[in-house]
N, C-alpha and C. Protein backbone atom coordinates (compact mmCIF):
# COMPACT_ATOMS: atom_id res chain seq x y z
N MET A 1 19.98 22.02 -31.37
CA MET A 1 20.48 21.05 -30.45
C MET A 1 19.39 20.22 -29.74
N PRO A 2 20.04 18.71 -29.88
CA PRO A 2 18.87 17.98 -28.80
C PRO A 2 19.13 18.35 -27.62
N THR A 3 17.75 17.94 -26.76
CA THR A 3 17.28 17.76 -25.45
C THR A 3 18.24 16.94 -25.04
N VAL A 4 19.03 17.76 -23.38
CA VAL A 4 19.51 16.73 -22.86
C VAL A 4 18.82 16.62 -21.44
N THR A 5 19.23 15.09 -20.93
CA THR A 5 18.34 14.97 -19.55
C THR A 5 19.40 15.00 -18.57
N ASP A 6 19.12 15.82 -17.03
CA ASP A 6 20.55 15.13 -16.33
C ASP A 6 20.00 14.17 -15.58
N ILE A 7 20.79 13.21 -15.70
CA ILE A 7 20.73 11.70 -14.87
C ILE A 7 20.12 12.05 -13.50
N GLY A 8 20.69 12.94 -12.99
CA GLY A 8 20.37 13.12 -11.65
C GLY A 8 19.40 13.69 -11.30
N SER A 9 18.40 13.85 -12.23
CA SER A 9 17.11 14.32 -12.14
C SER A 9 15.89 13.41 -12.28
N LEU A 10 16.62 12.42 -12.84
CA LEU A 10 15.39 10.64 -13.03
C LEU A 10 14.63 10.18 -11.99
N ILE A 11 15.74 10.39 -10.20
CA ILE A 11 14.93 9.79 -9.33
C ILE A 11 15.05 10.81 -8.19
N VAL A 12 13.77 10.73 -7.66
CA VAL A 12 13.49 11.79 -6.42
C VAL A 12 12.95 10.76 -5.42
N ARG A 13 12.71 11.57 -4.50
CA ARG A 13 12.53 11.94 -3.00
C ARG A 13 11.27 12.55 -2.61
N SER A 14 10.02 12.16 -2.22
CA SER A 14 9.25 13.41 -1.28
C SER A 14 8.56 12.64 -0.25
N GLU A 15 8.40 13.04 1.16
CA GLU A 15 7.96 12.38 2.26
C GLU A 15 6.52 12.25 2.16
N ASP A 16 5.93 12.92 1.19
CA ASP A 16 4.52 12.70 0.89
C ASP A 16 3.88 11.72 -0.42
N ILE A 17 4.66 11.34 -1.09
CA ILE A 17 4.66 10.45 -1.84
C ILE A 17 5.13 9.35 -1.54
N ARG A 18 4.73 8.00 -1.50
CA ARG A 18 5.27 6.63 -1.61
C ARG A 18 6.42 6.44 -0.18
N GLY A 19 5.77 7.10 1.19
CA GLY A 19 6.27 7.19 2.01
C GLY A 19 7.81 7.60 2.20
N GLY A 20 8.27 8.39 0.91
CA GLY A 20 9.63 9.08 0.94
C GLY A 20 10.63 8.08 0.08
N ARG A 21 10.19 6.84 0.12
CA ARG A 21 10.68 5.88 -1.07
C ARG A 21 11.14 6.75 -2.56
N PRO A 22 12.36 6.09 -2.35
CA PRO A 22 13.12 6.87 -3.98
C PRO A 22 12.27 6.30 -5.18
N ARG A 23 11.91 6.90 -6.05
CA ARG A 23 10.82 6.75 -7.25
C ARG A 23 11.25 7.59 -8.15
N ILE A 24 11.00 6.93 -9.77
CA ILE A 24 10.91 7.67 -10.64
C ILE A 24 10.43 9.00 -10.61
N ALA A 25 11.11 10.09 -11.02
CA ALA A 25 10.25 11.63 -11.01
C ALA A 25 9.21 11.54 -11.98
N GLY A 26 8.27 12.23 -11.34
CA GLY A 26 7.00 12.10 -12.24
C GLY A 26 6.07 11.22 -12.53
N THR A 27 6.39 10.28 -11.60
CA THR A 27 5.94 8.94 -11.07
C THR A 27 5.54 8.72 -10.02
N GLY A 28 4.96 7.38 -10.01
CA GLY A 28 4.79 6.71 -8.62
C GLY A 28 5.58 5.50 -8.24
N VAL A 29 6.09 5.48 -9.38
CA VAL A 29 7.00 4.00 -9.87
C VAL A 29 8.17 3.99 -8.69
N THR A 30 8.28 3.03 -8.08
CA THR A 30 9.11 3.10 -6.88
C THR A 30 10.74 2.57 -7.42
N VAL A 31 11.51 2.64 -6.81
CA VAL A 31 13.03 1.98 -7.39
C VAL A 31 12.97 0.79 -6.88
N GLN A 32 11.88 0.66 -5.65
CA GLN A 32 12.05 -0.85 -5.11
C GLN A 32 10.96 -1.79 -5.94
N ARG A 33 9.84 -1.11 -6.71
CA ARG A 33 9.41 -1.90 -7.80
C ARG A 33 10.01 -2.49 -8.82
N ILE A 34 10.77 -1.59 -9.49
CA ILE A 34 11.62 -2.07 -10.54
C ILE A 34 12.82 -2.89 -9.97
N ALA A 35 13.39 -2.82 -8.80
CA ALA A 35 14.08 -3.84 -8.64
C ALA A 35 13.48 -5.13 -8.25
N GLY A 36 12.87 -5.30 -7.85
CA GLY A 36 11.49 -6.19 -7.92
C GLY A 36 11.50 -7.23 -8.96
N TRP A 37 11.09 -6.72 -10.25
CA TRP A 37 11.39 -6.95 -11.28
C TRP A 37 12.31 -7.67 -12.05
N TYR A 38 13.28 -6.34 -11.83
CA TYR A 38 14.47 -6.75 -12.11
C TYR A 38 15.37 -8.35 -11.54
N LYS A 39 14.77 -8.32 -10.17
CA LYS A 39 15.13 -9.45 -9.59
C LYS A 39 14.54 -10.92 -10.01
N GLN A 40 13.05 -10.35 -10.30
CA GLN A 40 12.46 -11.73 -10.77
C GLN A 40 13.03 -12.14 -11.99
N GLY A 41 13.90 -11.50 -13.06
CA GLY A 41 14.39 -11.69 -14.26
C GLY A 41 13.74 -11.12 -15.36
N LEU A 42 13.41 -10.11 -15.38
CA LEU A 42 12.94 -8.95 -16.03
C LEU A 42 13.78 -8.08 -16.47
N THR A 43 14.16 -7.94 -17.87
CA THR A 43 15.30 -7.62 -18.49
C THR A 43 14.85 -5.46 -18.41
N PRO A 44 15.41 -4.43 -18.64
CA PRO A 44 15.04 -3.34 -18.11
C PRO A 44 13.89 -3.01 -19.71
N GLU A 45 14.15 -4.03 -20.77
CA GLU A 45 13.28 -3.63 -21.77
C GLU A 45 12.06 -4.41 -21.73
N GLU A 46 11.70 -5.25 -20.81
CA GLU A 46 10.44 -6.24 -20.66
C GLU A 46 9.85 -5.07 -19.41
N ILE A 47 10.66 -4.68 -18.59
CA ILE A 47 9.72 -3.86 -17.61
C ILE A 47 9.01 -2.70 -18.16
N THR A 48 9.95 -1.88 -19.18
CA THR A 48 9.03 -0.80 -19.76
C THR A 48 7.71 -1.28 -20.63
N THR A 49 7.79 -2.98 -20.89
CA THR A 49 6.60 -3.28 -21.81
C THR A 49 5.75 -3.32 -20.39
N GLU A 50 5.51 -3.88 -19.18
CA GLU A 50 4.88 -4.04 -18.22
C GLU A 50 4.48 -2.29 -17.24
N ILE A 51 5.50 -1.55 -17.74
CA ILE A 51 4.91 -0.22 -17.04
C ILE A 51 5.51 0.60 -18.61
N PRO A 52 4.41 0.95 -19.39
CA PRO A 52 4.80 1.53 -20.75
C PRO A 52 5.01 3.09 -20.86
N HIS A 53 4.33 3.47 -19.57
CA HIS A 53 4.69 5.15 -19.67
C HIS A 53 6.11 5.51 -19.01
N LEU A 54 7.08 4.39 -18.64
CA LEU A 54 7.94 4.68 -18.72
C LEU A 54 8.95 4.36 -19.74
N SER A 55 10.38 5.17 -19.48
CA SER A 55 11.20 5.23 -21.01
C SER A 55 12.33 4.14 -20.23
N LEU A 56 12.87 3.58 -20.88
CA LEU A 56 14.17 2.94 -20.93
C LEU A 56 15.01 3.56 -20.23
N ALA A 57 15.54 5.07 -20.19
CA ALA A 57 16.36 5.49 -19.38
C ALA A 57 15.64 5.51 -17.89
N GLN A 58 14.60 5.82 -17.57
CA GLN A 58 13.95 5.93 -16.52
C GLN A 58 14.39 4.48 -15.94
N VAL A 59 14.16 3.84 -16.24
CA VAL A 59 14.01 1.96 -15.97
C VAL A 59 15.70 2.10 -15.50
N TYR A 60 16.54 2.25 -16.42
CA TYR A 60 18.23 2.24 -16.40
C TYR A 60 18.66 2.97 -15.30
N ALA A 61 17.99 4.42 -14.98
CA ALA A 61 18.19 5.15 -13.69
C ALA A 61 17.77 4.75 -12.31
N ALA A 62 16.46 3.84 -12.03
CA ALA A 62 16.36 3.01 -10.76
C ALA A 62 17.01 2.47 -10.62
N LEU A 63 17.49 1.51 -11.76
CA LEU A 63 18.33 0.34 -11.61
C LEU A 63 19.72 0.89 -11.22
N THR A 64 20.27 1.75 -11.83
CA THR A 64 21.30 2.40 -11.18
C THR A 64 21.41 2.95 -9.50
N TYR A 65 20.42 3.32 -9.33
CA TYR A 65 19.97 3.66 -8.00
C TYR A 65 20.02 2.38 -6.79
N TYR A 66 19.01 1.54 -7.46
CA TYR A 66 19.57 0.51 -6.79
C TYR A 66 20.03 -0.48 -6.20
N HIS A 67 21.53 -0.24 -7.74
CA HIS A 67 22.71 -1.02 -7.10
C HIS A 67 23.78 -0.10 -6.60
N ALA A 68 23.46 1.33 -6.65
CA ALA A 68 24.19 2.04 -6.02
C ALA A 68 24.02 2.18 -4.27
N ASN A 69 22.54 1.70 -4.34
CA ASN A 69 21.87 1.76 -2.73
C ASN A 69 21.60 0.55 -2.09
N ARG A 70 22.14 -0.43 -2.73
CA ARG A 70 21.55 -2.04 -2.78
C ARG A 70 21.22 -2.65 -1.32
N ASP A 71 22.11 -1.95 -0.49
CA ASP A 71 21.65 -2.35 1.47
C ASP A 71 20.43 -1.80 1.74
N ALA A 72 20.29 -0.42 1.57
CA ALA A 72 19.11 0.28 1.78
C ALA A 72 17.79 0.06 1.33
N ILE A 73 17.80 -0.17 0.19
CA ILE A 73 16.97 -0.86 -1.04
C ILE A 73 16.58 -2.42 -0.37
N GLU A 74 17.35 -3.32 0.08
CA GLU A 74 16.99 -4.60 0.07
C GLU A 74 16.39 -4.49 1.63
N ALA A 75 17.13 -3.40 2.38
CA ALA A 75 16.54 -3.06 4.21
C ALA A 75 15.17 -2.82 4.08
N ASP A 76 14.77 -2.02 3.26
CA ASP A 76 13.27 -1.26 2.75
C ASP A 76 12.64 -2.58 2.34
N ILE A 77 13.01 -3.37 1.23
CA ILE A 77 11.99 -4.56 1.11
C ILE A 77 12.08 -5.47 1.93
N ALA A 78 12.77 -5.81 2.92
CA ALA A 78 12.78 -6.57 3.60
C ALA A 78 11.98 -6.34 4.74
N ALA A 79 11.82 -4.62 5.12
CA ALA A 79 10.97 -4.74 6.22
C ALA A 79 9.25 -4.48 5.66
N GLU A 80 9.26 -4.31 4.63
CA GLU A 80 7.55 -4.21 3.95
C GLU A 80 7.25 -5.61 3.69
N GLU A 81 8.50 -6.56 3.58
CA GLU A 81 7.77 -8.02 3.64
C GLU A 81 7.24 -8.55 5.03
N ALA A 82 8.33 -8.29 6.04
CA ALA A 82 7.89 -8.71 7.49
C ALA A 82 6.79 -8.00 8.02
N GLU A 83 6.63 -6.62 7.64
CA GLU A 83 5.12 -6.09 8.02
C GLU A 83 4.16 -6.87 7.14
N ALA A 84 4.20 -6.93 5.82
CA ALA A 84 3.31 -7.87 5.21
C ALA A 84 3.07 -9.42 6.03
N GLN A 85 3.73 -9.96 6.38
CA GLN A 85 3.77 -11.02 6.73
C GLN A 85 2.99 -11.06 8.15
N ALA A 86 3.36 -9.70 8.82
CA ALA A 86 2.80 -9.65 10.44
C ALA A 86 1.24 -9.12 10.18
N LEU A 87 1.34 -8.62 9.10
CA LEU A 87 -0.37 -8.34 9.06
C LEU A 87 -1.37 -9.52 8.42
N GLU A 88 -0.57 -10.35 7.73
CA GLU A 88 -1.40 -11.56 7.45
C GLU A 88 -1.48 -12.78 8.39
N THR A 89 -0.46 -12.96 9.55
CA THR A 89 -0.64 -13.50 10.63
C THR A 89 -1.72 -13.13 11.29
N GLN A 90 -1.64 -11.60 11.74
CA GLN A 90 -2.49 -10.93 12.32
C GLN A 90 -4.02 -11.62 12.10
N HIS A 91 -3.99 -10.94 10.65
CA HIS A 91 -5.81 -11.32 10.13
C HIS A 91 -6.11 -12.93 10.04
N VAL A 92 -4.94 -13.86 9.61
CA VAL A 92 -5.40 -15.12 9.87
C VAL A 92 -5.87 -15.43 11.77
N PHE A 93 -5.06 -14.99 12.27
CA PHE A 93 -5.41 -15.06 13.84
C PHE A 93 -6.82 -14.54 14.42
N SER A 94 -7.18 -13.42 13.56
CA SER A 94 -8.27 -12.71 14.14
C SER A 94 -9.51 -13.94 13.69
N ARG A 95 -9.42 -14.24 12.56
CA ARG A 95 -10.28 -14.85 11.67
C ARG A 95 -10.45 -16.43 12.53
N THR A 96 -9.46 -16.94 12.99
CA THR A 96 -9.56 -18.25 13.95
C THR A 96 -10.06 -18.05 15.34
N VAL A 97 -9.94 -16.70 15.79
CA VAL A 97 -10.53 -16.88 17.24
C VAL A 97 -12.22 -16.22 16.99
N LEU A 98 -12.66 -15.64 16.08
CA LEU A 98 -14.15 -15.66 15.91
C LEU A 98 -14.64 -16.75 15.85
């Protein structure tokens, strides 16, 4: 009998890994990262080329999670971008003060 994978086990969250963001089980690859490449126009097949240790099923699971939880994932992405912008501004400001 062939091996069957429970698709519910493909995406996990752990507070001690990637800040509790949803990620592909057994990896550090977050759903946000997969969603980002997808939003840039990469196909799931192209994403597996970028991260060859991921299977196509894992990428599709991440995309399914993203689409099912789009508002939450987009809010996390926006928060990270705002934090990065604030850090960049702070760095530039501290350089000009010196």
